[in-house]
Amino acid sequence: MRDQIASRLAPLAPDVYEFADESHLHIGHAGNKGGGHYTIVVVSNAFDGMNRVARQRQVQSLLADLFSSKQIHALSVIAQTPDEYFQAA
């Protein structure tokens, strides 16, 4: 799944892409009809000038097929510009 998500995020030309599979934390989670639980960090200049909601929508639109095919059940996204990411480091 790490590589599938990364390939779909390629149009953002991310400077940083981090992936964590947290599915094991949600075993038996009510309402989960399949698909994994993931957290990603995406750092890209493409987010410059976008608010948090717009960034989330951009990422989710690139991954829409993985949600609709139930390969992703839940996704936590941290989407930042390089300035934001590297200033926090």
PDB file of N, CA and C in Angstrom:
ATOM      1  N   MET A   1       0.828  -1.192   0.000  1.00  0.00           N
ATOM      2  CA  MET A   1       0.000   0.000   0.000  1.00  0.00           C
ATOM      3  C   MET A   1       0.874   1.259   0.000  1.00  0.00           C
ATOM      4  N   ARG A   2       2.009   1.176   0.674  1.00  0.00           N
ATOM      5  CA  ARG A   2       2.926   2.317   0.716  1.00  0.00           C
ATOM      6  C   ARG A   2       3.244   2.801  -0.701  1.00  0.00           C
ATOM      7  N   ASP A   3       3.601   1.879  -1.576  1.00  0.00           N
ATOM      8  CA  ASP A   3       3.984   2.240  -2.936  1.00  0.00           C
ATOM      9  C   ASP A   3       2.791   2.679  -3.776  1.00  0.00           C
ATOM     10  N   GLN A   4       1.629   2.057  -3.558  1.00  0.00           N
ATOM     11  CA  GLN A   4       0.433   2.452  -4.301  1.00  0.00           C
ATOM     12  C   GLN A   4       0.059   3.901  -3.982  1.00  0.00           C
ATOM     13  N   ILE A   5       0.099   4.255  -2.711  1.00  0.00           N
ATOM     14  CA  ILE A   5      -0.211   5.630  -2.318  1.00  0.00           C
ATOM     15  C   ILE A   5       0.849   6.579  -2.877  1.00  0.00           C
ATOM     16  N   ALA A   6       2.104   6.218  -2.748  1.00  0.00           N
ATOM     17  CA  ALA A   6       3.189   7.073  -3.246  1.00  0.00           C
ATOM     18  C   ALA A   6       3.041   7.342  -4.735  1.00  0.00           C
ATOM     19  N   SER A   7       2.699   6.331  -5.506  1.00  0.00           N
ATOM     20  CA  SER A   7       2.575   6.537  -6.950  1.00  0.00           C
ATOM     21  C   SER A   7       1.430   7.476  -7.294  1.00  0.00           C
ATOM     22  N   ARG A   8       0.347   7.424  -6.525  1.00  0.00           N
ATOM     23  CA  ARG A   8      -0.781   8.312  -6.786  1.00  0.00           C
ATOM     24  C   ARG A   8      -0.505   9.748  -6.347  1.00  0.00           C
ATOM     25  N   LEU A   9       0.429   9.910  -5.402  1.00  0.00           N
ATOM     26  CA  LEU A   9       0.794  11.249  -4.939  1.00  0.00           C
ATOM     27  C   LEU A   9       1.898  11.873  -5.794  1.00  0.00           C
ATOM     28  N   ALA A  10       2.399  11.152  -6.769  1.00  0.00           N
ATOM     29  CA  ALA A  10       3.492  11.647  -7.617  1.00  0.00           C
ATOM     30  C   ALA A  10       3.206  13.007  -8.256  1.00  0.00           C
ATOM     31  N   PRO A  11       1.961  13.311  -8.675  1.00  0.00           N
ATOM     32  CA  PRO A  11       1.710  14.636  -9.255  1.00  0.00           C
ATOM     33  C   PRO A  11       2.027  15.797  -8.300  1.00  0.00           C
ATOM     34  N   LEU A  12       2.065  15.521  -7.001  1.00  0.00           N
ATOM     35  CA  LEU A  12       2.409  16.561  -6.027  1.00  0.00           C
ATOM     36  C   LEU A  12       3.915  16.780  -5.923  1.00  0.00           C
ATOM     37  N   ALA A  13       4.691  15.895  -6.525  1.00  0.00           N
ATOM     38  CA  ALA A  13       6.161  15.943  -6.441  1.00  0.00           C
ATOM     39  C   ALA A  13       6.608  16.172  -4.998  1.00  0.00           C
ATOM     40  N   PRO A  14       6.230  15.268  -4.090  1.00  0.00           N
ATOM     41  CA  PRO A  14       6.544  15.498  -2.677  1.00  0.00           C
ATOM     42  C   PRO A  14       8.037  15.483  -2.382  1.00  0.00           C
ATOM     43  N   ASP A  15       8.441  16.404  -1.504  1.00  0.00           N
ATOM     44  CA  ASP A  15       9.813  16.427  -0.998  1.00  0.00           C
ATOM     45  C   ASP A  15       9.984  15.375   0.087  1.00  0.00           C
ATOM     46  N   VAL A  16       8.905  15.112   0.808  1.00  0.00           N
ATOM     47  CA  VAL A  16       8.903  14.108   1.881  1.00  0.00           C
ATOM     48  C   VAL A  16       7.621  13.313   1.754  1.00  0.00           C
ATOM     49  N   TYR A  17       7.748  11.993   1.878  1.00  0.00           N
ATOM     50  CA  TYR A  17       6.587  11.114   1.947  1.00  0.00           C
ATOM     51  C   TYR A  17       6.889  10.085   3.029  1.00  0.00           C
ATOM     52  N   GLU A  18       6.060  10.079   4.057  1.00  0.00           N
ATOM     53  CA  GLU A  18       6.190   9.092   5.135  1.00  0.00           C
ATOM     54  C   GLU A  18       4.888   8.316   5.222  1.00  0.00           C
ATOM     55  N   PHE A  19       4.996   7.053   5.524  1.00  0.00           N
ATOM     56  CA  PHE A  19       3.839   6.160   5.552  1.00  0.00           C
ATOM     57  C   PHE A  19       3.900   5.294   6.799  1.00  0.00           C
ATOM     58  N   ALA A  20       2.771   5.165   7.475  1.00  0.00           N
ATOM     59  CA  ALA A  20       2.673   4.249   8.618  1.00  0.00           C
ATOM     60  C   ALA A  20       1.388   3.446   8.485  1.00  0.00           C
ATOM     61  N   ASP A  21       1.501   2.145   8.594  1.00  0.00           N
ATOM     62  CA  ASP A  21       0.338   1.255   8.578  1.00  0.00           C
ATOM     63  C   ASP A  21      -0.087   1.026  10.026  1.00  0.00           C
ATOM     64  N   GLU A  22      -1.255   1.532  10.371  1.00  0.00           N
ATOM     65  CA  GLU A  22      -1.775   1.417  11.730  1.00  0.00           C
ATOM     66  C   GLU A  22      -2.957   0.455  11.802  1.00  0.00           C
ATOM     67  N   SER A  23      -3.079  -0.398  10.800  1.00  0.00           N
ATOM     68  CA  SER A  23      -4.210  -1.324  10.721  1.00  0.00           C
ATOM     69  C   SER A  23      -4.293  -2.237  11.938  1.00  0.00           C
ATOM     70  N   HIS A  24      -3.148  -2.644  12.449  1.00  0.00           N
ATOM     71  CA  HIS A  24      -3.134  -3.559  13.592  1.00  0.00           C
ATOM     72  C   HIS A  24      -3.774  -2.944  14.843  1.00  0.00           C
ATOM     73  N   LEU A  25      -3.837  -1.620  14.889  1.00  0.00           N
ATOM     74  CA  LEU A  25      -4.445  -0.940  16.031  1.00  0.00           C
ATOM     75  C   LEU A  25      -5.971  -0.934  15.959  1.00  0.00           C
ATOM     76  N   HIS A  26      -6.506  -1.349  14.819  1.00  0.00           N
ATOM     77  CA  HIS A  26      -7.948  -1.244  14.592  1.00  0.00           C
ATOM     78  C   HIS A  26      -8.601  -2.596  14.313  1.00  0.00           C
ATOM     79  N   ILE A  27      -7.962  -3.662  14.691  1.00  0.00           N
ATOM     80  CA  ILE A  27      -8.533  -4.995  14.501  1.00  0.00           C
ATOM     81  C   ILE A  27      -9.848  -5.080  15.267  1.00  0.00           C
ATOM     82  N   GLY A  28     -10.882  -5.511  14.576  1.00  0.00           N
ATOM     83  CA  GLY A  28     -12.198  -5.626  15.198  1.00  0.00           C
ATOM     84  C   GLY A  28     -12.949  -4.311  15.291  1.00  0.00           C
ATOM     85  N   HIS A  29     -12.429  -3.267  14.693  1.00  0.00           N
ATOM     86  CA  HIS A  29     -13.046  -1.940  14.701  1.00  0.00           C
ATOM     87  C   HIS A  29     -14.437  -2.016  14.062  1.00  0.00           C
ATOM     88  N   ALA A  30     -15.435  -1.620  14.805  1.00  0.00           N
ATOM     89  CA  ALA A  30     -16.811  -1.634  14.299  1.00  0.00           C
ATOM     90  C   ALA A  30     -16.916  -0.748  13.073  1.00  0.00           C
ATOM     91  N   GLY A  31     -17.593  -1.221  12.059  1.00  0.00           N
ATOM     92  CA  GLY A  31     -17.807  -0.444  10.852  1.00  0.00           C
ATOM     93  C   GLY A  31     -16.753  -0.643   9.791  1.00  0.00           C
ATOM     94  N   ASN A  32     -15.656  -1.293  10.109  1.00  0.00           N
ATOM     95  CA  ASN A  32     -14.620  -1.529   9.112  1.00  0.00           C
ATOM     96  C   ASN A  32     -15.015  -2.727   8.270  1.00  0.00           C
ATOM     97  N   LYS A  33     -15.326  -2.469   7.023  1.00  0.00           N
ATOM     98  CA  LYS A  33     -15.727  -3.526   6.090  1.00  0.00           C
ATOM     99  C   LYS A  33     -14.569  -3.930   5.192  1.00  0.00           C
ATOM    100  N   GLY A  34     -13.362  -3.619   5.619  1.00  0.00           N
ATOM    101  CA  GLY A  34     -12.178  -3.941   4.833  1.00  0.00           C
ATOM    102  C   GLY A  34     -11.332  -2.704   4.629  1.00  0.00           C
ATOM    103  N   GLY A  35     -10.122  -2.904   4.226  1.00  0.00           N
ATOM    104  CA  GLY A  35      -9.222  -1.786   3.999  1.00  0.00           C
ATOM    105  C   GLY A  35      -8.416  -1.472   5.234  1.00  0.00           C
ATOM    106  N   GLY A  36      -7.295  -0.836   5.000  1.00  0.00           N
ATOM    107  CA  GLY A  36      -6.383  -0.542   6.088  1.00  0.00           C
ATOM    108  C   GLY A  36      -6.547   0.847   6.658  1.00  0.00           C
ATOM    109  N   HIS A  37      -5.872   1.038   7.774  1.00  0.00           N
ATOM    110  CA  HIS A  37      -5.806   2.324   8.468  1.00  0.00           C
ATOM    111  C   HIS A  37      -4.373   2.817   8.336  1.00  0.00           C
ATOM    112  N   TYR A  38      -4.201   3.981   7.744  1.00  0.00           N
ATOM    113  CA  TYR A  38      -2.869   4.483   7.458  1.00  0.00           C
ATOM    114  C   TYR A  38      -2.719   5.937   7.891  1.00  0.00           C
ATOM    115  N   THR A  39      -1.480   6.318   8.151  1.00  0.00           N
ATOM    116  CA  THR A  39      -1.123   7.709   8.379  1.00  0.00           C
ATOM    117  C   THR A  39      -0.035   8.056   7.381  1.00  0.00           C
ATOM    118  N   ILE A  40      -0.192   9.215   6.722  1.00  0.00           N
ATOM    119  CA  ILE A  40       0.837   9.661   5.790  1.00  0.00           C
ATOM    120  C   ILE A  40       1.216  11.104   6.090  1.00  0.00           C
ATOM    121  N   VAL A  41       2.465  11.407   5.804  1.00  0.00           N
ATOM    122  CA  VAL A  41       2.967  12.771   5.832  1.00  0.00           C
ATOM    123  C   VAL A  41       3.403  13.078   4.410  1.00  0.00           C
ATOM    124  N   VAL A  42       2.882  14.166   3.863  1.00  0.00           N
ATOM    125  CA  VAL A  42       3.215  14.582   2.508  1.00  0.00           C
ATOM    126  C   VAL A  42       3.669  16.035   2.570  1.00  0.00           C
ATOM    127  N   VAL A  43       4.872  16.286   2.101  1.00  0.00           N
ATOM    128  CA  VAL A  43       5.424  17.633   2.090  1.00  0.00           C
ATOM    129  C   VAL A  43       5.670  18.019   0.637  1.00  0.00           C
ATOM    130  N   SER A  44       4.999  19.091   0.211  1.00  0.00           N
ATOM    131  CA  SER A  44       5.071  19.464  -1.200  1.00  0.00           C
ATOM    132  C   SER A  44       4.857  20.959  -1.383  1.00  0.00           C
ATOM    133  N   ASN A  45       5.555  21.519  -2.350  1.00  0.00           N
ATOM    134  CA  ASN A  45       5.326  22.910  -2.737  1.00  0.00           C
ATOM    135  C   ASN A  45       3.943  23.094  -3.341  1.00  0.00           C
ATOM    136  N   ALA A  46       3.324  22.011  -3.783  1.00  0.00           N
ATOM    137  CA  ALA A  46       1.978  22.095  -4.364  1.00  0.00           C
ATOM    138  C   ALA A  46       0.960  22.600  -3.348  1.00  0.00           C
ATOM    139  N   PHE A  47       1.270  22.491  -2.067  1.00  0.00           N
ATOM    140  CA  PHE A  47       0.341  22.936  -1.019  1.00  0.00           C
ATOM    141  C   PHE A  47       0.475  24.424  -0.698  1.00  0.00           C
ATOM    142  N   ASP A  48       1.438  25.074  -1.294  1.00  0.00           N
ATOM    143  CA  ASP A  48       1.661  26.497  -1.023  1.00  0.00           C
ATOM    144  C   ASP A  48       0.405  27.301  -1.371  1.00  0.00           C
ATOM    145  N   GLY A  49      -0.066  28.094  -0.433  1.00  0.00           N
ATOM    146  CA  GLY A  49      -1.245  28.924  -0.635  1.00  0.00           C
ATOM    147  C   GLY A  49      -2.570  28.216  -0.411  1.00  0.00           C
ATOM    148  N   MET A  50      -2.522  26.930  -0.082  1.00  0.00           N
ATOM    149  CA  MET A  50      -3.743  26.158   0.166  1.00  0.00           C
ATOM    150  C   MET A  50      -3.981  26.055   1.672  1.00  0.00           C
ATOM    151  N   ASN A  51      -5.255  26.117   2.076  1.00  0.00           N
ATOM    152  CA  ASN A  51      -5.558  25.899   3.493  1.00  0.00           C
ATOM    153  C   ASN A  51      -5.572  24.399   3.781  1.00  0.00           C
ATOM    154  N   ARG A  52      -5.702  24.068   5.049  1.00  0.00           N
ATOM    155  CA  ARG A  52      -5.634  22.665   5.480  1.00  0.00           C
ATOM    156  C   ARG A  52      -6.688  21.805   4.799  1.00  0.00           C
ATOM    157  N   VAL A  53      -7.904  22.302   4.695  1.00  0.00           N
ATOM    158  CA  VAL A  53      -8.988  21.528   4.087  1.00  0.00           C
ATOM    159  C   VAL A  53      -8.709  21.276   2.609  1.00  0.00           C
ATOM    160  N   ALA A  54      -8.238  22.279   1.901  1.00  0.00           N
ATOM    161  CA  ALA A  54      -7.924  22.126   0.481  1.00  0.00           C
ATOM    162  C   ALA A  54      -6.809  21.105   0.273  1.00  0.00           C
ATOM    163  N   ARG A  55      -5.842  21.102   1.169  1.00  0.00           N
ATOM    164  CA  ARG A  55      -4.751  20.127   1.081  1.00  0.00           C
ATOM    165  C   ARG A  55      -5.285  18.717   1.264  1.00  0.00           C
ATOM    166  N   GLN A  56      -6.149  18.532   2.265  1.00  0.00           N
ATOM    167  CA  GLN A  56      -6.744  17.216   2.520  1.00  0.00           C
ATOM    168  C   GLN A  56      -7.532  16.738   1.299  1.00  0.00           C
ATOM    169  N   ARG A  57      -8.314  17.644   0.737  1.00  0.00           N
ATOM    170  CA  ARG A  57      -9.117  17.292  -0.441  1.00  0.00           C
ATOM    171  C   ARG A  57      -8.235  16.922  -1.625  1.00  0.00           C
ATOM    172  N   GLN A  58      -7.140  17.640  -1.803  1.00  0.00           N
ATOM    173  CA  GLN A  58      -6.219  17.343  -2.898  1.00  0.00           C
ATOM    174  C   GLN A  58      -5.665  15.926  -2.755  1.00  0.00           C
ATOM    175  N   VAL A  59      -5.201  15.593  -1.564  1.00  0.00           N
ATOM    176  CA  VAL A  59      -4.641  14.261  -1.323  1.00  0.00           C
ATOM    177  C   VAL A  59      -5.728  13.198  -1.500  1.00  0.00           C
ATOM    178  N   GLN A  60      -6.885  13.416  -0.914  1.00  0.00           N
ATOM    179  CA  GLN A  60      -7.956  12.422  -1.017  1.00  0.00           C
ATOM    180  C   GLN A  60      -8.418  12.220  -2.453  1.00  0.00           C
ATOM    181  N   SER A  61      -8.418  13.274  -3.250  1.00  0.00           N
ATOM    182  CA  SER A  61      -8.836  13.123  -4.651  1.00  0.00           C
ATOM    183  C   SER A  61      -7.857  12.241  -5.418  1.00  0.00           C
ATOM    184  N   LEU A  62      -6.574  12.344  -5.094  1.00  0.00           N
ATOM    185  CA  LEU A  62      -5.572  11.511  -5.753  1.00  0.00           C
ATOM    186  C   LEU A  62      -5.662  10.043  -5.324  1.00  0.00           C
ATOM    187  N   LEU A  63      -6.279   9.808  -4.169  1.00  0.00           N
ATOM    188  CA  LEU A  63      -6.390   8.441  -3.633  1.00  0.00           C
ATOM    189  C   LEU A  63      -7.816   7.899  -3.710  1.00  0.00           C
ATOM    190  N   ALA A  64      -8.692   8.590  -4.406  1.00  0.00           N
ATOM    191  CA  ALA A  64     -10.120   8.252  -4.423  1.00  0.00           C
ATOM    192  C   ALA A  64     -10.385   6.797  -4.793  1.00  0.00           C
ATOM    193  N   ASP A  65      -9.657   6.267  -5.755  1.00  0.00           N
ATOM    194  CA  ASP A  65      -9.897   4.884  -6.174  1.00  0.00           C
ATOM    195  C   ASP A  65      -9.549   3.885  -5.079  1.00  0.00           C
ATOM    196  N   LEU A  66      -8.580   4.211  -4.233  1.00  0.00           N
ATOM    197  CA  LEU A  66      -8.218   3.304  -3.141  1.00  0.00           C
ATOM    198  C   LEU A  66      -9.275   3.300  -2.038  1.00  0.00           C
ATOM    199  N   PHE A  67      -9.957   4.432  -1.874  1.00  0.00           N
ATOM    200  CA  PHE A  67     -11.085   4.485  -0.940  1.00  0.00           C
ATOM    201  C   PHE A  67     -12.283   3.738  -1.518  1.00  0.00           C
ATOM    202  N   SER A  68     -12.601   3.996  -2.773  1.00  0.00           N
ATOM    203  CA  SER A  68     -13.794   3.385  -3.372  1.00  0.00           C
ATOM    204  C   SER A  68     -13.657   1.873  -3.530  1.00  0.00           C
ATOM    205  N   SER A  69     -12.436   1.388  -3.701  1.00  0.00           N
ATOM    206  CA  SER A  69     -12.211  -0.055  -3.806  1.00  0.00           C
ATOM    207  C   SER A  69     -11.988  -0.694  -2.440  1.00  0.00           C
ATOM    208  N   LYS A  70     -12.146   0.111  -1.385  1.00  0.00           N
ATOM    209  CA  LYS A  70     -12.042  -0.336   0.006  1.00  0.00           C
ATOM    210  C   LYS A  70     -10.657  -0.863   0.385  1.00  0.00           C
ATOM    211  N   GLN A  71      -9.629  -0.383  -0.332  1.00  0.00           N
ATOM    212  CA  GLN A  71      -8.266  -0.722   0.060  1.00  0.00           C
ATOM    213  C   GLN A  71      -7.807   0.165   1.220  1.00  0.00           C
ATOM    214  N   ILE A  72      -8.413   1.365   1.302  1.00  0.00           N
ATOM    215  CA  ILE A  72      -8.174   2.257   2.429  1.00  0.00           C
ATOM    216  C   ILE A  72      -9.494   2.442   3.147  1.00  0.00           C
ATOM    217  N   HIS A  73      -9.505   2.161   4.443  1.00  0.00           N
ATOM    218  CA  HIS A  73     -10.688   2.416   5.274  1.00  0.00           C
ATOM    219  C   HIS A  73     -10.566   3.767   5.965  1.00  0.00           C
ATOM    220  N   ALA A  74      -9.378   4.062   6.476  1.00  0.00           N
ATOM    221  CA  ALA A  74      -9.154   5.320   7.192  1.00  0.00           C
ATOM    222  C   ALA A  74      -7.756   5.833   6.866  1.00  0.00           C
ATOM    223  N   LEU A  75      -7.663   7.152   6.708  1.00  0.00           N
ATOM    224  CA  LEU A  75      -6.387   7.761   6.367  1.00  0.00           C
ATOM    225  C   LEU A  75      -6.230   9.062   7.136  1.00  0.00           C
ATOM    226  N   SER A  76      -5.130   9.151   7.869  1.00  0.00           N
ATOM    227  CA  SER A  76      -4.760  10.391   8.541  1.00  0.00           C
ATOM    228  C   SER A  76      -3.686  11.053   7.684  1.00  0.00           C
ATOM    229  N   VAL A  77      -3.912  12.312   7.327  1.00  0.00           N
ATOM    230  CA  VAL A  77      -3.005  13.016   6.423  1.00  0.00           C
ATOM    231  C   VAL A  77      -2.429  14.252   7.101  1.00  0.00           C
ATOM    232  N   ILE A  78      -1.117  14.348   7.079  1.00  0.00           N
ATOM    233  CA  ILE A  78      -0.427  15.571   7.454  1.00  0.00           C
ATOM    234  C   ILE A  78       0.157  16.102   6.152  1.00  0.00           C
ATOM    235  N   ALA A  79      -0.363  17.226   5.689  1.00  0.00           N
ATOM    236  CA  ALA A  79       0.053  17.813   4.414  1.00  0.00           C
ATOM    237  C   ALA A  79       0.634  19.193   4.688  1.00  0.00           C
ATOM    238  N   GLN A  80       1.914  19.355   4.376  1.00  0.00           N
ATOM    239  CA  GLN A  80       2.607  20.606   4.676  1.00  0.00           C
ATOM    240  C   GLN A  80       3.459  21.054   3.501  1.00  0.00           C
ATOM    241  N   THR A  81       3.789  22.338   3.501  1.00  0.00           N
ATOM    242  CA  THR A  81       4.770  22.858   2.561  1.00  0.00           C
ATOM    243  C   THR A  81       6.152  22.555   3.129  1.00  0.00           C
ATOM    244  N   PRO A  82       7.186  22.597   2.295  1.00  0.00           N
ATOM    245  CA  PRO A  82       8.536  22.380   2.827  1.00  0.00           C
ATOM    246  C   PRO A  82       8.901  23.384   3.932  1.00  0.00           C
ATOM    247  N   ASP A  83       8.510  24.642   3.770  1.00  0.00           N
ATOM    248  CA  ASP A  83       8.811  25.635   4.822  1.00  0.00           C
ATOM    249  C   ASP A  83       8.189  25.235   6.148  1.00  0.00           C
ATOM    250  N   GLU A  84       6.935  24.815   6.125  1.00  0.00           N
ATOM    251  CA  GLU A  84       6.254  24.406   7.355  1.00  0.00           C
ATOM    252  C   GLU A  84       6.920  23.188   7.979  1.00  0.00           C
ATOM    253  N   TYR A  85       7.209  22.212   7.170  1.00  0.00           N
ATOM    254  CA  TYR A  85       7.782  20.956   7.651  1.00  0.00           C
ATOM    255  C   TYR A  85       9.186  21.148   8.236  1.00  0.00           C
ATOM    256  N   PHE A  86      10.032  21.857   7.504  1.00  0.00           N
ATOM    257  CA  PHE A  86      11.422  21.974   7.937  1.00  0.00           C
ATOM    258  C   PHE A  86      11.600  23.008   9.046  1.00  0.00           C
ATOM    259  N   GLN A  87      10.685  23.963   9.196  1.00  0.00           N
ATOM    260  CA  GLN A  87      10.741  24.889  10.315  1.00  0.00           C
ATOM    261  C   GLN A  87      10.376  24.177  11.617  1.00  0.00           C
ATOM    262  N   ALA A  88       9.479  23.199  11.524  1.00  0.00           N
ATOM    263  CA  ALA A  88       9.050  22.466  12.709  1.00  0.00           C
ATOM    264  C   ALA A  88      10.120  21.457  13.165  1.00  0.00           C
ATOM    265  N   ALA A  89      11.005  21.093  12.270  1.00  0.00           N
ATOM    266  CA  ALA A  89      12.005  20.065  12.574  1.00  0.00           C
ATOM    267  C   ALA A  89      13.093  20.536  13.487  1.00  0.00           C
TER     268      ALA A  89
END
